[in-house]
Amino acid sequence: MPLEYLSRMYERANRENYAIGQFNVSNLEFVQAAIGAAVELKAPIILASSSSAIKYAGIETLVAMIRSLADKAPVPIALHLDHGEDLAQAQHCIKHGYTSVMIDASGKPLEENIRITREVAQAAHAAGVTVEAELGRLGGIEDNVNVSARDAFLTDPLEAQRFVRESACDALAIAVGTSHGAYKFKGKPVLDYTRISTIKKMLGIPLVLHGASSVDPQSVAMINQFGGHIEDAHGMDEPAYREAISRGINKVNIDTDLRLKWTAILRKQLAEKPAEFDPRKLLGPAREAVREVIKEKITLLGSAGKA
């Protein structure tokens, strides 16, 4: 079916209290894996591209590739700009068919974040496109961080209420203790679940959890076994996902887990099949492994069967 506007997908997720997975893609195999998993599990799904992914693949090529597969898929698929840099980039993506855009001005002062987000929202809404914004700063929060330092990183509920009212964003990425990449925590995740509940109650709109990969230990171990070097990498565990979603999270971003699994399987293939030079035979198993990771995430987020 044609690409779906994310706001329509959010309506049911918000009402029925489940989350939709966002999976970052930049090549054919990741797109095939994500859409194949969604179709198999009859789930809505969000395919996202960052600024670097757009530069890597080219926006025309990336959109054409996604559309060609999405048009044949009997499930809702949204195309989302992840961490958009400015109004011009958001407009560029809207022009090329994205159905959702994120503007990330969270590093700016509150007033400027509101102004920039409002400009993007005005442009996006004119085209029916959904807008995600971010408030707060992502960064792994450890048990030994004092309360005032911890709160300085996290999304303030009263600021969030004002931000959404004045910016007109449709969904808000909140900082509650997660972090981007493979090195999120020194141990178990320390998320502020009460903050999620409070913000959800005050805003009522879809909330987004960034930096939410689980950093699968088996993938890390396999990478290291076959010549890689990743140490002390930790992510979110399954109870953390479930608790965050039960408190009001409706979109969960997954990127690192896909990269780790892809790298692990590819390294294994290259090590065990030194005479193989057919890229299809090397990349195919990695693609299928990524598909299985996405299926696990869809099931965990509660969106299986929600297409």
Protein backbone atom coordinates (compact mmCIF):
# COMPACT_ATOMS: atom_id res chain seq x y z
CA MET A 1 0.00 0.00 0.00
CA PRO A 2 1.12 3.64 -0.36
CA LEU A 3 3.25 5.10 2.40
CA GLU A 4 1.11 5.99 5.41
CA TYR A 5 1.10 9.21 7.40
CA LEU A 6 2.47 8.43 10.81
CA SER A 7 -0.24 10.42 12.59
CA ARG A 8 -2.79 7.85 11.39
CA MET A 9 -0.71 4.99 12.71
CA TYR A 10 -0.34 6.76 16.04
CA GLU A 11 -4.10 7.03 16.61
CA ARG A 12 -4.53 3.33 17.32
CA ALA A 13 -1.21 2.95 19.10
CA ASN A 14 -2.06 5.77 21.47
CA ARG A 15 -5.57 4.44 22.06
CA GLU A 16 -4.53 0.82 22.60
CA ASN A 17 -1.29 1.57 24.45
CA TYR A 18 1.32 -0.11 22.29
CA ALA A 19 4.41 1.13 20.49
CA ILE A 20 5.38 1.13 16.82
CA GLY A 21 8.96 0.30 15.97
CA GLN A 22 11.13 2.73 14.06
CA PHE A 23 13.93 0.94 12.23
CA ASN A 24 16.68 2.95 10.56
CA VAL A 25 17.58 1.92 7.03
CA SER A 26 20.15 3.02 4.47
CA ASN A 27 20.49 0.06 2.11
CA LEU A 28 18.43 -2.53 0.25
CA GLU A 29 18.94 -5.37 2.71
CA PHE A 30 17.73 -3.40 5.73
CA VAL A 31 14.64 -2.22 3.85
CA GLN A 32 13.86 -5.77 2.75
CA ALA A 33 14.38 -7.08 6.28
CA ALA A 34 12.14 -4.47 7.90
CA ILE A 35 9.26 -4.70 5.46
CA GLY A 36 9.46 -8.49 5.35
CA ALA A 37 9.22 -8.66 9.15
CA ALA A 38 6.27 -6.26 9.24
CA VAL A 39 4.38 -8.21 6.59
CA GLU A 40 5.01 -11.53 8.31
CA LEU A 41 3.75 -10.23 11.65
CA LYS A 42 0.99 -8.02 10.17
CA ALA A 43 2.41 -4.99 11.95
CA PRO A 44 2.66 -1.27 11.21
CA ILE A 45 6.24 -0.14 10.88
CA ILE A 46 8.30 3.04 10.54
CA LEU A 47 11.32 3.14 8.25
CA ALA A 48 13.64 5.99 9.12
CA SER A 49 16.63 7.62 7.54
CA SER A 50 19.05 9.95 9.22
CA SER A 51 20.87 12.80 7.52
CA SER A 52 23.90 10.56 7.07
CA ALA A 53 21.79 7.78 5.54
CA ILE A 54 20.34 10.24 3.03
CA LYS A 55 23.84 11.38 2.11
CA TYR A 56 25.00 7.77 1.80
CA ALA A 57 22.20 6.44 -0.41
CA GLY A 58 20.80 9.60 -2.01
CA ILE A 59 17.27 10.65 -1.20
CA GLU A 60 15.82 9.80 -4.63
CA THR A 61 17.31 6.30 -4.56
CA LEU A 62 16.32 5.69 -0.94
CA VAL A 63 12.70 6.79 -1.41
CA ALA A 64 12.31 4.90 -4.70
CA MET A 65 13.66 1.71 -3.10
CA ILE A 66 11.34 2.00 -0.10
CA ARG A 67 8.29 2.89 -2.19
CA SER A 68 8.84 0.00 -4.58
CA LEU A 69 8.66 -2.48 -1.69
CA ALA A 70 6.10 -0.63 0.44
CA ASP A 71 3.61 -0.39 -2.41
CA LYS A 72 3.45 -4.20 -2.52
CA ALA A 73 3.18 -4.64 1.26
CA PRO A 74 -0.28 -5.06 2.85
CA VAL A 75 0.73 -3.23 6.04
CA PRO A 76 1.02 0.47 6.97
CA ILE A 77 4.55 1.79 6.46
CA ALA A 78 5.65 5.32 7.33
CA LEU A 79 8.81 6.97 6.04
CA HIS A 80 10.40 9.18 8.67
CA LEU A 81 13.28 11.66 8.78
CA ASP A 82 15.26 10.89 11.92
CA HIS A 83 16.94 13.81 13.73
CA GLY A 84 16.31 16.37 11.03
CA GLU A 85 18.77 19.23 11.15
CA ASP A 86 16.70 22.22 10.04
CA LEU A 87 13.63 23.46 8.19
CA ALA A 88 15.29 23.14 4.77
CA GLN A 89 16.06 19.47 5.28
CA ALA A 90 12.55 18.77 6.54
CA GLN A 91 11.06 20.48 3.50
CA HIS A 92 13.40 18.52 1.22
CA CYS A 93 12.18 15.24 2.71
CA ILE A 94 8.53 16.30 2.54
CA LYS A 95 9.01 17.15 -1.13
CA HIS A 96 10.36 13.65 -1.75
CA GLY A 97 7.48 11.85 -0.07
CA TYR A 98 8.36 11.40 3.59
CA THR A 99 5.22 11.01 5.69
CA SER A 100 6.84 12.07 8.96
CA VAL A 101 9.76 14.30 9.87
CA MET A 102 11.64 14.88 13.08
CA ILE A 103 13.22 18.21 13.83
CA ASP A 104 15.84 17.98 16.55
CA ALA A 105 16.58 21.35 18.05
CA SER A 106 16.92 19.91 21.55
CA GLY A 107 20.42 21.33 21.84
CA LYS A 108 19.04 24.86 21.52
CA PRO A 109 17.53 27.00 24.28
CA LEU A 110 13.84 26.28 24.89
CA GLU A 111 12.55 29.38 23.08
CA GLU A 112 14.60 28.61 19.98
CA ASN A 113 13.60 24.96 20.04
CA ILE A 114 9.96 26.03 20.09
CA ARG A 115 10.45 28.51 17.24
CA ILE A 116 12.31 26.08 14.98
CA THR A 117 9.85 23.26 15.67
CA ARG A 118 6.87 25.54 15.01
CA GLU A 119 8.31 26.52 11.60
CA VAL A 120 8.74 22.87 10.65
CA ALA A 121 5.26 22.00 11.93
CA GLN A 122 3.68 24.73 9.81
CA ALA A 123 5.41 23.47 6.67
CA ALA A 124 4.77 19.80 7.40
CA HIS A 125 1.13 20.13 8.40
CA ALA A 126 0.38 21.97 5.19
CA ALA A 127 1.35 18.72 3.43
CA GLY A 128 -0.33 16.42 5.96
CA VAL A 129 3.02 15.27 7.30
CA THR A 130 3.54 14.32 10.95
CA VAL A 131 6.12 16.16 13.07
CA GLU A 132 8.22 14.77 15.88
CA ALA A 133 10.33 17.02 18.09
CA GLU A 134 12.68 16.44 21.00
CA LEU A 135 12.93 18.05 24.41
CA GLY A 136 15.66 17.19 26.91
CA ARG A 137 19.08 15.65 26.41
CA LEU A 138 19.78 11.96 25.87
CA GLY A 139 22.60 10.45 27.88
CA GLY A 140 22.98 7.31 29.95
CA ILE A 141 22.04 8.09 33.55
CA GLU A 142 23.76 6.03 36.22
CA ASP A 143 22.69 5.23 39.77
CA ASN A 144 25.41 7.38 41.29
CA VAL A 145 24.43 10.60 39.51
CA ASN A 146 22.91 13.08 41.96
CA VAL A 147 19.30 14.18 41.56
CA SER A 148 19.97 17.71 40.34
CA ALA A 149 22.48 16.54 37.72
CA ARG A 150 20.11 13.80 36.59
CA ASP A 151 17.16 16.17 36.24
CA ALA A 152 19.25 18.55 34.14
CA PHE A 153 19.38 15.89 31.42
CA LEU A 154 15.75 14.83 31.50
CA THR A 155 12.59 16.30 30.00
CA ASP A 156 10.78 18.67 32.34
CA PRO A 157 7.01 17.95 32.27
CA LEU A 158 5.96 21.60 32.57
CA GLU A 159 8.36 22.62 29.81
CA ALA A 160 7.02 19.76 27.70
CA GLN A 161 3.47 21.01 28.15
CA ARG A 162 4.40 24.48 27.02
CA PHE A 163 6.60 23.16 24.23
CA VAL A 164 3.87 21.06 22.63
CA ARG A 165 1.27 23.81 22.97
CA GLU A 166 3.44 26.46 21.33
CA SER A 167 5.30 24.34 18.76
CA ALA A 168 2.30 22.29 17.53
CA CYS A 169 4.38 19.12 17.18
CA ASP A 170 2.45 15.84 16.90
CA ALA A 171 4.81 13.59 18.87
CA LEU A 172 7.52 14.27 21.40
CA ALA A 173 10.79 12.43 21.98
CA ILE A 174 11.51 12.69 25.67
CA ALA A 175 14.74 12.20 27.61
CA VAL A 176 14.16 9.76 30.47
CA GLY A 177 17.61 8.18 30.83
CA THR A 178 18.39 6.38 27.56
CA SER A 179 21.31 7.11 25.28
CA HIS A 180 22.19 6.63 21.62
CA GLY A 181 24.64 3.98 20.49
CA ALA A 182 25.95 0.76 22.02
CA TYR A 183 27.35 2.25 25.24
CA LYS A 184 24.19 3.31 27.07
CA PHE A 185 24.68 2.12 30.64
CA LYS A 186 27.31 0.59 32.88
CA GLY A 187 24.76 -1.98 34.02
CA LYS A 188 20.99 -2.20 34.03
CA PRO A 189 19.07 0.70 32.50
CA VAL A 190 17.99 3.43 34.89
CA LEU A 191 14.90 4.99 33.32
CA ASP A 192 12.59 7.50 34.96
CA TYR A 193 9.27 5.74 34.42
CA THR A 194 7.35 8.12 36.65
CA ARG A 195 8.44 10.97 34.38
CA ILE A 196 7.02 9.14 31.36
CA SER A 197 3.68 8.70 33.12
CA THR A 198 3.57 12.32 34.21
CA ILE A 199 4.36 13.69 30.76
CA LYS A 200 1.87 11.34 29.10
CA LYS A 201 -0.89 12.39 31.46
CA MET A 202 -0.16 16.08 30.88
CA LEU A 203 0.20 15.90 27.09
CA GLY A 204 -1.82 12.94 25.88
CA ILE A 205 0.11 12.84 22.59
CA PRO A 206 2.35 10.02 21.31
CA LEU A 207 5.66 9.87 23.16
CA VAL A 208 8.87 8.60 21.58
CA LEU A 209 11.78 6.73 23.13
CA HIS A 210 15.14 7.27 21.45
CA GLY A 211 18.31 5.36 22.26
CA ALA A 212 16.30 2.22 22.89
CA SER A 213 18.36 -0.61 21.44
CA SER A 214 18.98 -3.59 23.72
CA VAL A 215 22.60 -4.12 22.56
CA ASP A 216 22.26 -7.90 22.33
CA PRO A 217 25.18 -9.56 24.18
CA GLN A 218 25.27 -12.45 21.69
CA SER A 219 25.79 -10.07 18.78
CA VAL A 220 28.55 -8.26 20.65
CA ALA A 221 30.21 -11.57 21.54
CA MET A 222 30.08 -12.77 17.92
CA ILE A 223 31.57 -9.53 16.64
CA ASN A 224 34.45 -9.89 19.09
CA GLN A 225 34.85 -13.60 18.31
CA PHE A 226 35.36 -12.87 14.63
CA GLY A 227 37.82 -10.02 14.88
CA GLY A 228 35.77 -7.06 16.15
CA HIS A 229 36.38 -5.02 19.26
CA ILE A 230 33.37 -3.88 21.28
CA GLU A 231 33.61 -3.77 25.05
CA ASP A 232 31.32 -2.80 27.94
CA ALA A 233 28.30 -2.28 25.69
CA HIS A 234 24.92 -2.41 27.39
CA GLY A 235 21.38 -1.47 26.38
CA MET A 236 17.76 -1.76 27.47
CA ASP A 237 16.38 -5.06 28.69
CA GLU A 238 12.91 -6.41 27.92
CA PRO A 239 11.30 -5.34 31.22
CA ALA A 240 12.44 -1.77 30.54
CA TYR A 241 10.71 -1.79 27.15
CA ARG A 242 7.48 -3.13 28.59
CA GLU A 243 7.42 -0.70 31.49
CA ALA A 244 8.12 2.33 29.28
CA ILE A 245 5.36 1.34 26.85
CA SER A 246 2.88 0.73 29.67
CA ARG A 247 3.60 4.29 30.88
CA GLY A 248 2.81 5.89 27.50
CA ILE A 249 5.58 5.39 24.93
CA ASN A 250 4.11 4.88 21.42
CA LYS A 251 7.23 4.85 19.24
CA VAL A 252 10.55 3.16 19.94
CA ASN A 253 13.64 3.82 17.84
CA ILE A 254 15.88 0.86 16.99
CA ASP A 255 19.12 1.24 15.06
CA THR A 256 22.14 -0.06 16.98
CA ASP A 257 20.67 -3.55 17.44
CA LEU A 258 20.30 -3.92 13.68
CA ARG A 259 23.85 -2.75 13.01
CA LEU A 260 25.30 -5.08 15.63
CA LYS A 261 23.47 -8.15 14.31
CA TRP A 262 24.36 -7.26 10.72
CA THR A 263 28.03 -6.84 11.60
CA ALA A 264 28.13 -10.03 13.66
CA ILE A 265 26.72 -12.24 10.92
CA LEU A 266 28.74 -10.59 8.19
CA ARG A 267 31.98 -11.02 10.13
CA LYS A 268 31.12 -14.68 10.72
CA GLN A 269 30.39 -15.23 7.03
CA LEU A 270 33.66 -13.64 5.95
CA ALA A 271 35.66 -15.65 8.49
CA GLU A 272 34.04 -19.02 7.78
CA LYS A 273 33.81 -18.66 3.98
CA PRO A 274 37.12 -17.09 2.93
CA ALA A 275 36.67 -18.23 -0.70
CA GLU A 276 33.23 -16.66 -1.09
CA PHE A 277 33.04 -13.46 -3.12
CA ASP A 278 29.38 -13.38 -4.15
CA PRO A 279 27.91 -10.44 -2.18
CA ARG A 280 24.47 -12.02 -2.22
CA LYS A 281 25.72 -15.08 -0.37
CA LEU A 282 27.51 -12.92 2.18
CA LEU A 283 24.83 -10.29 2.70
CA GLY A 284 21.80 -12.57 2.48
CA PRO A 285 22.33 -14.30 5.85
CA ALA A 286 22.98 -10.92 7.49
CA ARG A 287 19.73 -9.58 6.03
CA GLU A 288 17.76 -12.54 7.38
CA ALA A 289 19.33 -12.13 10.81
CA VAL A 290 18.32 -8.45 10.87
CA ARG A 291 14.79 -9.48 9.88
CA GLU A 292 14.62 -11.80 12.90
CA VAL A 293 15.76 -8.99 15.21
CA ILE A 294 13.03 -6.74 13.84
CA LYS A 295 10.41 -9.46 14.33
CA GLU A 296 11.50 -9.82 17.97
CA LYS A 297 11.20 -6.07 18.49
CA ILE A 298 7.78 -5.83 16.84
CA THR A 299 6.50 -8.57 19.13
CA LEU A 300 8.04 -6.96 22.20
CA LEU A 301 6.55 -3.55 21.40
CA GLY A 302 3.06 -5.01 21.10
CA SER A 303 2.45 -3.98 17.48
CA ALA A 304 2.25 -7.47 15.94
CA GLY A 305 -1.20 -8.00 14.42
CA LYS A 306 -2.00 -4.25 14.54
CA ALA A 307 -1.77 -3.60 10.78
